Amino acid sequence: MPGPHAYEARTRIGRMVSGFLWARFGWARNRYRSNDWRWEGAGGEALDPTKADWTNPFPPGRGRLPWKPDIVIVVTPNQGWTKHQVIPWAQREGIPVLSIDHGSPTLTWPWLTYRGSMMGCDANAVWSEVCRDINVGVGAPERGQIITGSPSLDGLDAASSIDVHAALGLEPGRKIVLMLGSHRAPVKGPADALFAAALAAHGGRDDLVFVHKPHPVELSQGSVLSMPDGVVMTIDQDLYLPLVRHATVVLSPATSVVIPALAFRTPFVNSIRAEDGAAPAKDVEALLHTLKGAVFGLDDLAAVLDDGLRPDDAACERAFARLGHRADGRNGARVASLARWLVNGGVPNEWTDEE
């Protein structure tokens, strides 16, 4: 399946023209390409969308479906083909649309204003109460922000069984210092500075291996921080949770990536500070209060690496409850339950976990 930006104009001018046409006339060119997609059945078997028994028209896909959907579930309703083709079609057909929030902001960053819109969706399945409150704070209706937890966290248990040293060709005994990058300049700058400081202090040690996983947008923009020899870089998303699980320490801004670290009790060195000015200082202070005892600063890194400094279990549990909701492997089931509720005509904010 192609990424969310795959069907957007490729040039800046093209995107500007597309944005004008959409805002003024509600029209966007359908850039769907059938060869980009693989249609699968419930068991993962390949399906042929050209079969004669696929009779329900599906204009966004320039073809047909075997039936009219009861619900449409999306992940990026603010982007590309989903925004311009799929959601408008679902609305015309009277099909409810459920969005699974693609991430969980921990702060009200200036670029989050798009979250103030439901973007044509009937409900948005959010990670946690913090995510809900941030979305509502920038204008989204509270009745549409439904806390289910994120299905992306349902793989926490499976991550424990992955041998990340073998997957990356690392010597088994070396401690992993995991650096998770960010692409927004006000957040990326302090994060890159944290990486550089950690490498300057500990980069020459034989017992450590620094692993850098840049943000995908850093790669697409060509803004990945240059790393010294010996640093291992990976872009394998399948290794994301296993790396967080097995790292000796994670270095990163306390964005959504802090949430699995809290669940795993992995030591986490946070680069977000109130004085950086990237988000309102009072919001940053509130986040740091939520994370008190659960994350560390750069000054604590040596103690984490050499003295076994660990986050407080109770602090991690409290912070995860606020930021991640549940880690019981049932978040996907909750989203499915919410979807059934919407299909049956239920009001989004009247759904309960017991449905």
Foldseek 3Di string as FASTA:
>chain_A
DDDQAPQADDDPVRNVVQVVCCVPPVAHDQRADVVVDFDADPVRDTDDQVDPCQPADQVSNPGGGNDDDLAAEEACCPGDSNLRGVLVVCVVVVHAYEYEHNFAFLALFPPCLVLLDPSNHQAYAYQFPSRLVSSVVSHHDSLRYHHLFHLVLLCLVVLQPDDVCVVQVHDNQAAEEEQEADDDVLFRVLSVVLVVVCCVVDVVDPRYAYEYAYDPVCVVVVNDDDDDPRHHYDPPPVNLSSCLLRHLEYRGAPTRSVLSNLVNQREYAHRDALVSVRGHSVSVVVSCVLQVQSYHHSVCVVCSVPVVDTGDNVSSVSSNCRRRNDNPSCSVVQVVQLSVCVSVPHRNNVDDSVD
